Amino acid sequence: MVGLEKRNRAGDLRSEAICQRLSALFPLAEGERDFLRRVGSGPVTLHAPRSILDQPASGHPASCYIISGWAALARELRDGRRQFVQLLLPGDPLSPLLQVRQQQTVLCLSLVQTVEGTSVRLAANDAQRFPGIAAAVEMAAAQDRALMIEQVIRLGRQTAYERMASLFVELHHRCSTVGLVHGDGFAFPLTQESLGDLLGLRVVHVNRTLQLMRNQNVIQLKHGRLTLLDLEALRDAAEFRPPHISHMSL
């Protein structure tokens, strides 16, 4: 009975991911929330860890949303070097990435569950009927652009410690908006190799930086869970603040 309750709670959390992501950006009417919950409760497609989310053979990208698991937009060079450009978390859409990517791939970093989200795209194009969803989808796109700028700053100007602190604070913020943070901790499927691919660091530098953060007692990372023990210290080191939604124009 307890196991069944846990599975039900997990299912509820997955079905809420899209609604929570968009409602954190713009107020939604209850009818719009119910609409997004129905989308999140739709038929699920499973993608294995380390699998590639390929573009459909038809050439017309499906409008999918992640409701569980982590993925990354990645670019691999001919000699095997790889750069993760952007992390994709529950509540994030895949369709914009699948539409623009050419040499990039979307790589699953854990077991990923997606649902068909064409109806969300259609609702976002019908501002008269779904004004909140239309505004929230625009806000989400603006937020993604702001976070991409943060990634550029990490790779271009920050030290290894600052890069990692910035990433951890950003992930804490993003996970909290979809209900995945508990006690300042959240599931963290990234390996040290994946962190290196995301932050432009060699694995040895990733390991040293993690050890330093542990020794400073600002993080705890074990059993696939990351806890930020001193969030303010990490914020100060990272100079990261969540994008101000009120400053984003529709």
Protein backbone atom coordinates (compact mmCIF):
# COMPACT_ATOMS: atom_id res chain seq x y z
CA MET A 1 0.00 0.00 0.00
CA VAL A 2 2.84 2.40 0.85
CA GLY A 3 4.56 1.55 -2.42
CA LEU A 4 1.36 2.31 -4.34
CA GLU A 5 1.02 5.68 -2.59
CA LYS A 6 4.62 6.56 -3.48
CA ARG A 7 3.99 5.67 -7.14
CA ASN A 8 0.83 7.78 -7.14
CA ARG A 9 2.70 10.77 -5.69
CA ALA A 10 5.43 10.35 -8.30
CA GLY A 11 2.81 10.24 -11.04
CA ASP A 12 1.12 13.36 -9.67
CA LEU A 13 4.46 15.18 -9.60
CA ARG A 14 5.18 14.25 -13.21
CA SER A 15 1.76 15.36 -14.40
CA GLU A 16 2.27 18.72 -12.65
CA ALA A 17 5.70 19.48 -14.18
CA ILE A 18 4.50 21.49 -17.18
CA CYS A 19 1.87 23.32 -15.14
CA GLN A 20 4.34 24.22 -12.39
CA ARG A 21 7.00 25.41 -14.84
CA LEU A 22 4.62 27.74 -16.70
CA SER A 23 2.60 28.91 -13.69
CA ALA A 24 5.85 30.02 -12.00
CA LEU A 25 6.34 32.43 -14.89
CA PHE A 26 2.87 33.89 -15.33
CA PRO A 27 -0.46 33.58 -13.46
CA LEU A 28 -2.68 30.91 -15.01
CA ALA A 29 -6.44 30.54 -14.73
CA GLU A 30 -7.62 27.32 -13.11
CA GLY A 31 -8.92 26.11 -16.46
CA GLU A 32 -5.47 26.62 -17.97
CA ARG A 33 -3.88 24.72 -15.10
CA ASP A 34 -6.29 21.82 -15.60
CA PHE A 35 -5.49 21.85 -19.32
CA LEU A 36 -1.74 21.58 -18.64
CA ARG A 37 -2.27 18.84 -16.07
CA ARG A 38 -4.16 16.82 -18.66
CA VAL A 39 -1.28 17.24 -21.08
CA GLY A 40 1.16 16.11 -18.38
CA SER A 41 -1.00 13.06 -17.65
CA GLY A 42 -1.02 11.95 -21.29
CA PRO A 43 0.66 8.84 -22.74
CA VAL A 44 4.33 8.71 -21.73
CA THR A 45 7.30 7.88 -23.96
CA LEU A 46 10.35 6.45 -22.18
CA HIS A 47 13.91 7.26 -23.24
CA ALA A 48 16.80 5.24 -21.77
CA PRO A 49 19.83 6.91 -20.15
CA ARG A 50 22.50 7.87 -22.70
CA SER A 51 20.02 7.53 -25.56
CA ILE A 52 19.59 10.24 -28.18
CA LEU A 53 16.27 11.98 -28.73
CA ASP A 54 16.35 11.95 -32.50
CA GLN A 55 14.37 14.11 -34.86
CA PRO A 56 11.43 12.19 -36.38
CA ALA A 57 11.99 10.64 -39.82
CA SER A 58 9.25 12.90 -41.20
CA GLY A 59 11.48 15.91 -40.59
CA HIS A 60 8.68 17.60 -38.65
CA PRO A 61 9.71 17.77 -34.97
CA ALA A 62 7.20 16.53 -32.44
CA SER A 63 6.19 18.97 -29.72
CA CYS A 64 7.32 17.09 -26.62
CA TYR A 65 7.72 18.09 -22.98
CA ILE A 66 9.92 16.39 -20.42
CA ILE A 67 7.94 15.39 -17.35
CA SER A 68 10.64 13.31 -15.62
CA GLY A 69 14.42 12.99 -15.91
CA TRP A 70 17.25 15.15 -17.24
CA ALA A 71 18.60 15.63 -20.76
CA ALA A 72 21.16 17.90 -22.41
CA LEU A 73 21.56 19.69 -25.70
CA ALA A 74 25.02 18.53 -26.80
CA ARG A 75 27.50 19.17 -29.61
CA GLU A 76 30.27 16.66 -30.31
CA LEU A 77 33.36 17.50 -32.34
CA ARG A 78 35.04 15.08 -34.74
CA ASP A 79 37.78 14.18 -32.26
CA GLY A 80 35.23 13.20 -29.58
CA ARG A 81 35.29 16.37 -27.51
CA ARG A 82 31.81 17.25 -26.35
CA GLN A 83 30.08 20.34 -25.04
CA PHE A 84 26.75 20.36 -23.24
CA VAL A 85 25.10 23.61 -24.22
CA GLN A 86 21.93 23.47 -22.13
CA LEU A 87 20.34 21.19 -19.54
CA LEU A 88 16.70 20.17 -19.95
CA LEU A 89 14.67 19.45 -16.83
CA PRO A 90 11.07 18.40 -16.08
CA GLY A 91 8.63 20.94 -17.49
CA ASP A 92 10.94 21.92 -20.36
CA PRO A 93 9.89 21.56 -24.01
CA LEU A 94 11.98 19.79 -26.62
CA SER A 95 10.42 21.09 -29.82
CA PRO A 96 12.36 24.40 -30.14
CA LEU A 97 15.63 22.50 -29.78
CA LEU A 98 14.64 19.81 -32.26
CA GLN A 99 13.61 22.47 -34.75
CA VAL A 100 16.88 24.39 -34.74
CA ARG A 101 19.48 21.73 -34.06
CA GLN A 102 21.68 20.52 -36.91
CA GLN A 103 24.92 19.20 -35.51
CA GLN A 104 23.55 19.15 -31.94
CA THR A 105 21.84 16.21 -30.31
CA VAL A 106 19.59 15.90 -27.28
CA LEU A 107 21.18 13.33 -24.96
CA CYS A 108 19.32 11.69 -22.06
CA LEU A 109 21.37 11.95 -18.86
CA SER A 110 18.92 9.72 -16.96
CA LEU A 111 15.73 7.85 -17.72
CA VAL A 112 13.58 10.51 -19.39
CA GLN A 113 9.82 10.55 -19.76
CA THR A 114 8.17 12.80 -22.32
CA VAL A 115 4.60 13.56 -23.31
CA GLU A 116 3.14 14.92 -26.52
CA GLY A 117 2.75 18.68 -26.19
CA THR A 118 1.39 19.89 -29.50
CA SER A 119 -1.75 21.08 -27.71
CA VAL A 120 0.38 23.41 -25.53
CA ARG A 121 1.90 24.98 -28.64
CA LEU A 122 -1.56 25.44 -30.15
CA ALA A 123 -2.87 26.95 -26.91
CA ALA A 124 0.08 29.36 -26.80
CA ASN A 125 -0.93 30.54 -30.28
CA ASP A 126 -4.48 31.23 -29.09
CA ALA A 127 -3.96 34.13 -26.69
CA GLN A 128 -7.64 35.01 -26.67
CA ARG A 129 -8.67 31.63 -25.28
CA PHE A 130 -5.50 30.84 -23.29
CA PRO A 131 -3.95 34.24 -22.37
CA GLY A 132 -1.99 32.88 -19.39
CA ILE A 133 -0.45 29.98 -21.31
CA ALA A 134 0.44 32.24 -24.24
CA ALA A 135 2.21 34.68 -21.92
CA ALA A 136 3.92 31.93 -19.90
CA VAL A 137 5.32 30.20 -22.99
CA GLU A 138 6.77 33.53 -24.13
CA MET A 139 8.22 34.06 -20.67
CA ALA A 140 9.72 30.57 -20.70
CA ALA A 141 11.46 31.31 -23.98
CA ALA A 142 12.80 34.59 -22.57
CA GLN A 143 14.02 32.80 -19.45
CA ASP A 144 15.80 30.18 -21.56
CA ARG A 145 17.61 32.94 -23.43
CA ALA A 146 18.66 34.55 -20.15
CA LEU A 147 19.96 31.24 -18.82
CA MET A 148 21.88 30.67 -22.05
CA ILE A 149 23.64 33.99 -21.44
CA GLU A 150 24.61 32.73 -17.97
CA GLN A 151 26.13 29.65 -19.60
CA VAL A 152 28.16 31.86 -21.95
CA ILE A 153 29.45 33.87 -18.98
CA ARG A 154 30.39 30.67 -17.13
CA LEU A 155 32.41 29.32 -20.00
CA GLY A 156 33.91 32.63 -21.03
CA ARG A 157 34.88 34.38 -17.80
CA GLN A 158 34.34 32.40 -14.61
CA THR A 159 36.77 30.23 -12.69
CA ALA A 160 36.10 26.52 -12.21
CA TYR A 161 34.72 27.19 -8.72
CA GLU A 162 32.50 30.04 -9.92
CA ARG A 163 31.21 27.97 -12.83
CA MET A 164 30.19 25.11 -10.59
CA ALA A 165 28.63 27.39 -7.99
CA SER A 166 26.66 29.19 -10.70
CA LEU A 167 25.42 25.92 -12.15
CA PHE A 168 24.38 24.53 -8.76
CA VAL A 169 22.46 27.68 -7.82
CA GLU A 170 20.73 27.76 -11.21
CA LEU A 171 19.71 24.10 -10.93
CA HIS A 172 18.44 24.67 -7.40
CA HIS A 173 16.25 27.49 -8.69
CA ARG A 174 14.99 25.55 -11.71
CA CYS A 175 14.24 22.40 -9.72
CA SER A 176 12.45 24.36 -7.00
CA THR A 177 9.98 25.83 -9.51
CA VAL A 178 8.78 22.33 -10.43
CA GLY A 179 8.68 20.96 -6.89
CA LEU A 180 11.87 18.88 -7.03
CA VAL A 181 13.78 20.54 -4.16
CA HIS A 182 13.41 19.15 -0.64
CA GLY A 183 15.56 20.43 2.20
CA ASP A 184 17.74 22.38 -0.28
CA GLY A 185 18.55 19.11 -2.03
CA PHE A 186 17.48 17.53 -5.31
CA ALA A 187 18.20 14.47 -7.46
CA PHE A 188 21.40 15.04 -9.42
CA PRO A 189 22.08 12.54 -12.23
CA LEU A 190 25.16 14.31 -13.60
CA THR A 191 28.46 12.42 -13.46
CA GLN A 192 31.81 14.18 -13.12
CA GLU A 193 32.31 13.60 -16.84
CA SER A 194 28.95 15.23 -17.59
CA LEU A 195 29.83 18.18 -15.36
CA GLY A 196 33.05 18.58 -17.32
CA ASP A 197 31.17 18.50 -20.61
CA LEU A 198 28.78 21.17 -19.32
CA LEU A 199 31.33 23.46 -17.65
CA GLY A 200 34.22 23.07 -20.09
CA LEU A 201 36.46 21.44 -17.47
CA ARG A 202 38.58 18.34 -17.35
CA VAL A 203 37.39 15.62 -15.00
CA VAL A 204 40.38 16.17 -12.71
CA HIS A 205 39.37 19.84 -12.28
CA VAL A 206 35.75 18.85 -11.66
CA ASN A 207 36.88 16.43 -8.96
CA ARG A 208 39.13 19.00 -7.26
CA THR A 209 36.41 21.64 -7.28
CA LEU A 210 33.84 19.27 -5.82
CA GLN A 211 36.30 18.26 -3.12
CA LEU A 212 36.95 21.91 -2.27
CA MET A 213 33.23 22.61 -2.00
CA ARG A 214 32.78 19.58 0.23
CA ASN A 215 35.68 20.66 2.45
CA GLN A 216 34.14 24.12 2.74
CA ASN A 217 30.87 22.45 3.74
CA VAL A 218 28.86 24.30 1.10
CA ILE A 219 27.58 21.17 -0.70
CA GLN A 220 26.85 17.53 -0.06
CA LEU A 221 26.86 15.22 -3.07
CA LYS A 222 26.23 11.53 -2.60
CA HIS A 223 23.98 8.76 -3.85
CA GLY A 224 22.86 10.88 -6.81
CA ARG A 225 21.56 13.73 -4.65
CA LEU A 226 22.98 17.25 -4.39
CA THR A 227 22.28 19.35 -1.29
CA LEU A 228 23.33 22.99 -1.12
CA LEU A 229 24.38 23.42 2.51
CA ASP A 230 25.26 27.12 2.18
CA LEU A 231 23.14 28.56 -0.60
CA GLU A 232 24.10 32.16 0.13
CA ALA A 233 27.84 31.42 -0.08
CA LEU A 234 27.31 29.71 -3.43
CA ARG A 235 25.20 32.62 -4.68
CA ASP A 236 27.91 35.09 -3.72
CA ALA A 237 30.60 33.04 -5.46
CA ALA A 238 28.48 32.52 -8.55
CA GLU A 239 27.07 36.07 -8.87
CA PHE A 240 23.99 34.27 -10.17
CA ARG A 241 20.49 35.59 -9.67
CA PRO A 242 17.40 34.11 -11.30
CA PRO A 243 16.22 36.17 -14.30
CA HIS A 244 13.77 38.90 -13.29
CA ILE A 245 10.60 37.91 -15.07
CA SER A 246 9.16 41.41 -14.73
CA HIS A 247 12.01 42.70 -16.90
CA MET A 248 11.16 40.31 -19.75
CA SER A 249 8.99 41.85 -22.41
CA LEU A 250 6.36 39.78 -24.17
